[in-house]
């Protein structure tokens, strides 16, 4: 297995494809979705100054209202680039079809992305 560098995760990883495949296909695609794709998403989000709190809020919103209601949010996160990144994730998830199990799985994934951001911030704070 070849290690993936941080820069590759931020710039070259197709998180949206991993979301769609991971929500639809159990096994390896689901593991990639929960692992590499979540890590890549956290780096991409952090590069656009998206913190853990908006992603946790969005996770709760998806869990409560599903993909469609989350896509209807006028501004799921602040900033045009950040908004487009998160909307891309939501569109990729919604492309799998309305399904409670997939919506809950995606909500958990968003919460995991938020947790990764929070953990990195915590470690950086302790090393400062």
C-alpha atoms as a PDB file:
ATOM      1  CA  UNK A   1       0.000   0.000   0.000  1.00  0.00           C
ATOM      2  CA  UNK A   2       1.367   3.407  -0.993  1.00  0.00           C
ATOM      3  CA  UNK A   3       0.923   6.157   1.601  1.00  0.00           C
ATOM      4  CA  UNK A   4      -1.074   9.165   0.446  1.00  0.00           C
ATOM      5  CA  UNK A   5       0.448  12.552   1.217  1.00  0.00           C
ATOM      6  CA  UNK A   6      -1.555  15.376   2.781  1.00  0.00           C
ATOM      7  CA  UNK A   7      -1.305  17.535  -0.351  1.00  0.00           C
ATOM      8  CA  UNK A   8      -2.658  14.689  -2.468  1.00  0.00           C
ATOM      9  CA  UNK A   9      -5.581  14.294  -0.070  1.00  0.00           C
ATOM     10  CA  UNK A  10      -6.424  17.971  -0.254  1.00  0.00           C
ATOM     11  CA  UNK A  11      -6.073  18.469  -3.979  1.00  0.00           C
ATOM     12  CA  UNK A  12      -6.426  15.232  -5.851  1.00  0.00           C
ATOM     13  CA  UNK A  13      -8.749  12.904  -3.993  1.00  0.00           C
ATOM     14  CA  UNK A  14     -12.222  12.474  -5.485  1.00  0.00           C
ATOM     15  CA  UNK A  15     -14.267  12.600  -2.298  1.00  0.00           C
ATOM     16  CA  UNK A  16     -17.561  12.833  -4.179  1.00  0.00           C
ATOM     17  CA  UNK A  17     -16.945   9.564  -6.039  1.00  0.00           C
ATOM     18  CA  UNK A  18     -15.960   7.869  -2.779  1.00  0.00           C
ATOM     19  CA  UNK A  19     -19.175   9.122  -1.158  1.00  0.00           C
ATOM     20  CA  UNK A  20     -21.377   7.726  -3.911  1.00  0.00           C
ATOM     21  CA  UNK A  21     -19.567   4.381  -4.078  1.00  0.00           C
ATOM     22  CA  UNK A  22     -19.331   4.051  -0.300  1.00  0.00           C
ATOM     23  CA  UNK A  23     -23.014   4.692   0.231  1.00  0.00           C
ATOM     24  CA  UNK A  24     -24.030   2.232  -2.475  1.00  0.00           C
ATOM     25  CA  UNK A  25     -21.491  -0.589  -2.128  1.00  0.00           C
ATOM     26  CA  UNK A  26     -20.618  -2.376   1.094  1.00  0.00           C
ATOM     27  CA  UNK A  27     -17.145  -3.829   1.622  1.00  0.00           C
ATOM     28  CA  UNK A  28     -14.021  -2.056   0.344  1.00  0.00           C
ATOM     29  CA  UNK A  29     -15.832   1.016  -1.074  1.00  0.00           C
ATOM     30  CA  UNK A  30     -17.582   1.537   2.276  1.00  0.00           C
ATOM     31  CA  UNK A  31     -14.265   1.246   4.133  1.00  0.00           C
ATOM     32  CA  UNK A  32     -12.633   3.772   1.780  1.00  0.00           C
ATOM     33  CA  UNK A  33     -15.602   6.108   2.297  1.00  0.00           C
ATOM     34  CA  UNK A  34     -15.244   5.881   6.078  1.00  0.00           C
ATOM     35  CA  UNK A  35     -11.466   6.121   6.076  1.00  0.00           C
ATOM     36  CA  UNK A  36      -9.516   7.755   3.265  1.00  0.00           C
ATOM     37  CA  UNK A  37     -12.438   9.794   1.945  1.00  0.00           C
ATOM     38  CA  UNK A  38     -13.246  11.173   5.404  1.00  0.00           C
ATOM     39  CA  UNK A  39      -9.605  12.123   5.949  1.00  0.00           C
ATOM     40  CA  UNK A  40      -9.397  13.759   2.515  1.00  0.00           C
ATOM     41  CA  UNK A  41     -12.665  15.600   3.115  1.00  0.00           C
ATOM     42  CA  UNK A  42     -11.406  16.900   6.446  1.00  0.00           C
ATOM     43  CA  UNK A  43      -8.257  18.299   4.818  1.00  0.00           C
ATOM     44  CA  UNK A  44     -10.263  19.844   1.983  1.00  0.00           C
ATOM     45  CA  UNK A  45     -12.749  21.376   4.411  1.00  0.00           C
ATOM     46  CA  UNK A  46     -10.055  22.733   6.659  1.00  0.00           C
ATOM     47  CA  UNK A  47      -8.252  24.293   3.693  1.00  0.00           C
ATOM     48  CA  UNK A  48     -11.451  26.290   3.075  1.00  0.00           C
ATOM     49  CA  UNK A  49     -11.747  27.217   6.780  1.00  0.00           C
ATOM     50  CA  UNK A  50     -14.710  24.965   7.478  1.00  0.00           C
ATOM     51  CA  UNK A  51     -14.672  24.059  11.136  1.00  0.00           C
ATOM     52  CA  UNK A  52     -16.142  21.082  12.945  1.00  0.00           C
ATOM     53  CA  UNK A  53     -19.240  22.895  14.243  1.00  0.00           C
ATOM     54  CA  UNK A  54     -20.880  23.610  10.869  1.00  0.00           C
ATOM     55  CA  UNK A  55     -20.250  20.033   9.752  1.00  0.00           C
ATOM     56  CA  UNK A  56     -21.717  18.641  12.960  1.00  0.00           C
ATOM     57  CA  UNK A  57     -24.768  20.852  12.490  1.00  0.00           C
ATOM     58  CA  UNK A  58     -25.109  19.652   8.907  1.00  0.00           C
ATOM     59  CA  UNK A  59     -24.773  16.041  10.056  1.00  0.00           C
ATOM     60  CA  UNK A  60     -27.652  16.532  12.477  1.00  0.00           C
ATOM     61  CA  UNK A  61     -29.673  18.237   9.753  1.00  0.00           C
ATOM     62  CA  UNK A  62     -29.132  15.342   7.322  1.00  0.00           C
ATOM     63  CA  UNK A  63     -30.028  12.842  10.047  1.00  0.00           C
ATOM     64  CA  UNK A  64     -33.250  14.725  10.821  1.00  0.00           C
ATOM     65  CA  UNK A  65     -34.368  15.784   7.339  1.00  0.00           C
ATOM     66  CA  UNK A  66     -32.455  13.728   4.804  1.00  0.00           C
ATOM     67  CA  UNK A  67     -30.488  14.638   1.712  1.00  0.00           C
ATOM     68  CA  UNK A  68     -33.220  16.712   0.070  1.00  0.00           C
ATOM     69  CA  UNK A  69     -33.722  19.073   3.001  1.00  0.00           C
ATOM     70  CA  UNK A  70     -29.963  19.528   3.429  1.00  0.00           C
ATOM     71  CA  UNK A  71     -29.634  20.414  -0.258  1.00  0.00           C
ATOM     72  CA  UNK A  72     -32.359  23.027   0.223  1.00  0.00           C
ATOM     73  CA  UNK A  73     -30.311  24.887   2.827  1.00  0.00           C
ATOM     74  CA  UNK A  74     -29.392  28.259   1.305  1.00  0.00           C
ATOM     75  CA  UNK A  75     -25.974  28.288   2.988  1.00  0.00           C
ATOM     76  CA  UNK A  76     -24.930  25.002   4.618  1.00  0.00           C
ATOM     77  CA  UNK A  77     -21.533  26.555   5.420  1.00  0.00           C
ATOM     78  CA  UNK A  78     -20.155  30.083   5.088  1.00  0.00           C
ATOM     79  CA  UNK A  79     -18.253  31.132   1.984  1.00  0.00           C
ATOM     80  CA  UNK A  80     -18.794  30.397  -1.703  1.00  0.00           C
ATOM     81  CA  UNK A  81     -15.949  27.879  -2.139  1.00  0.00           C
ATOM     82  CA  UNK A  82     -16.760  26.119   1.120  1.00  0.00           C
ATOM     83  CA  UNK A  83     -20.447  26.042   0.214  1.00  0.00           C
ATOM     84  CA  UNK A  84     -19.675  24.495  -3.184  1.00  0.00           C
ATOM     85  CA  UNK A  85     -17.438  21.837  -1.605  1.00  0.00           C
ATOM     86  CA  UNK A  86     -20.112  20.780   0.877  1.00  0.00           C
ATOM     87  CA  UNK A  87     -22.885  20.959  -1.724  1.00  0.00           C
ATOM     88  CA  UNK A  88     -20.802  18.628  -3.893  1.00  0.00           C
ATOM     89  CA  UNK A  89     -20.686  16.122  -1.047  1.00  0.00           C
ATOM     90  CA  UNK A  90     -24.434  16.486  -0.521  1.00  0.00           C
ATOM     91  CA  UNK A  91     -25.179  16.060  -4.244  1.00  0.00           C
ATOM     92  CA  UNK A  92     -22.972  12.958  -4.386  1.00  0.00           C
ATOM     93  CA  UNK A  93     -24.798  11.473  -1.408  1.00  0.00           C
ATOM     94  CA  UNK A  94     -28.235  12.438  -2.741  1.00  0.00           C
ATOM     95  CA  UNK A  95     -27.409  10.808  -6.083  1.00  0.00           C
ATOM     96  CA  UNK A  96     -27.644   7.457  -4.290  1.00  0.00           C
ATOM     97  CA  UNK A  97     -31.359   8.055  -3.729  1.00  0.00           C
ATOM     98  CA  UNK A  98     -33.423   8.874  -0.673  1.00  0.00           C
ATOM     99  CA  UNK A  99     -32.853   6.059   1.788  1.00  0.00           C
ATOM    100  CA  UNK A 100     -32.875   6.361   5.570  1.00  0.00           C
ATOM    101  CA  UNK A 101     -29.929   3.990   6.062  1.00  0.00           C
ATOM    102  CA  UNK A 102     -27.746   5.891   3.567  1.00  0.00           C
ATOM    103  CA  UNK A 103     -28.779   9.246   5.019  1.00  0.00           C
ATOM    104  CA  UNK A 104     -27.817   8.126   8.518  1.00  0.00           C
ATOM    105  CA  UNK A 105     -24.537   6.678   7.214  1.00  0.00           C
ATOM    106  CA  UNK A 106     -23.730   9.951   5.458  1.00  0.00           C
ATOM    107  CA  UNK A 107     -24.631  11.934   8.580  1.00  0.00           C
ATOM    108  CA  UNK A 108     -22.215   9.777  10.588  1.00  0.00           C
ATOM    109  CA  UNK A 109     -19.583  10.381   7.913  1.00  0.00           C
ATOM    110  CA  UNK A 110     -20.034  14.163   8.169  1.00  0.00           C
ATOM    111  CA  UNK A 111     -19.666  13.899  11.946  1.00  0.00           C
ATOM    112  CA  UNK A 112     -16.465  11.875  11.435  1.00  0.00           C
ATOM    113  CA  UNK A 113     -15.073  14.556   9.122  1.00  0.00           C
ATOM    114  CA  UNK A 114     -15.878  17.156  11.785  1.00  0.00           C
ATOM    115  CA  UNK A 115     -14.181  15.026  14.440  1.00  0.00           C
ATOM    116  CA  UNK A 116     -11.013  14.721  12.344  1.00  0.00           C
ATOM    117  CA  UNK A 117     -10.855  18.507  11.979  1.00  0.00           C
ATOM    118  CA  UNK A 118     -11.406  18.993  15.710  1.00  0.00           C
ATOM    119  CA  UNK A 119      -8.727  16.443  16.583  1.00  0.00           C
ATOM    120  CA  UNK A 120      -6.147  18.088  14.317  1.00  0.00           C
ATOM    121  CA  UNK A 121      -6.958  21.487  15.818  1.00  0.00           C
ATOM    122  CA  UNK A 122      -6.587  20.066  19.299  1.00  0.00           C
ATOM    123  CA  UNK A 123      -3.204  18.534  18.501  1.00  0.00           C
ATOM    124  CA  UNK A 124      -1.971  21.745  16.877  1.00  0.00           C
ATOM    125  CA  UNK A 125      -3.120  23.691  19.947  1.00  0.00           C
ATOM    126  CA  UNK A 126      -1.185  21.409  22.283  1.00  0.00           C
ATOM    127  CA  UNK A 127       1.952  21.661  20.138  1.00  0.00           C
ATOM    128  CA  UNK A 128       1.913  25.479  20.024  1.00  0.00           C
END
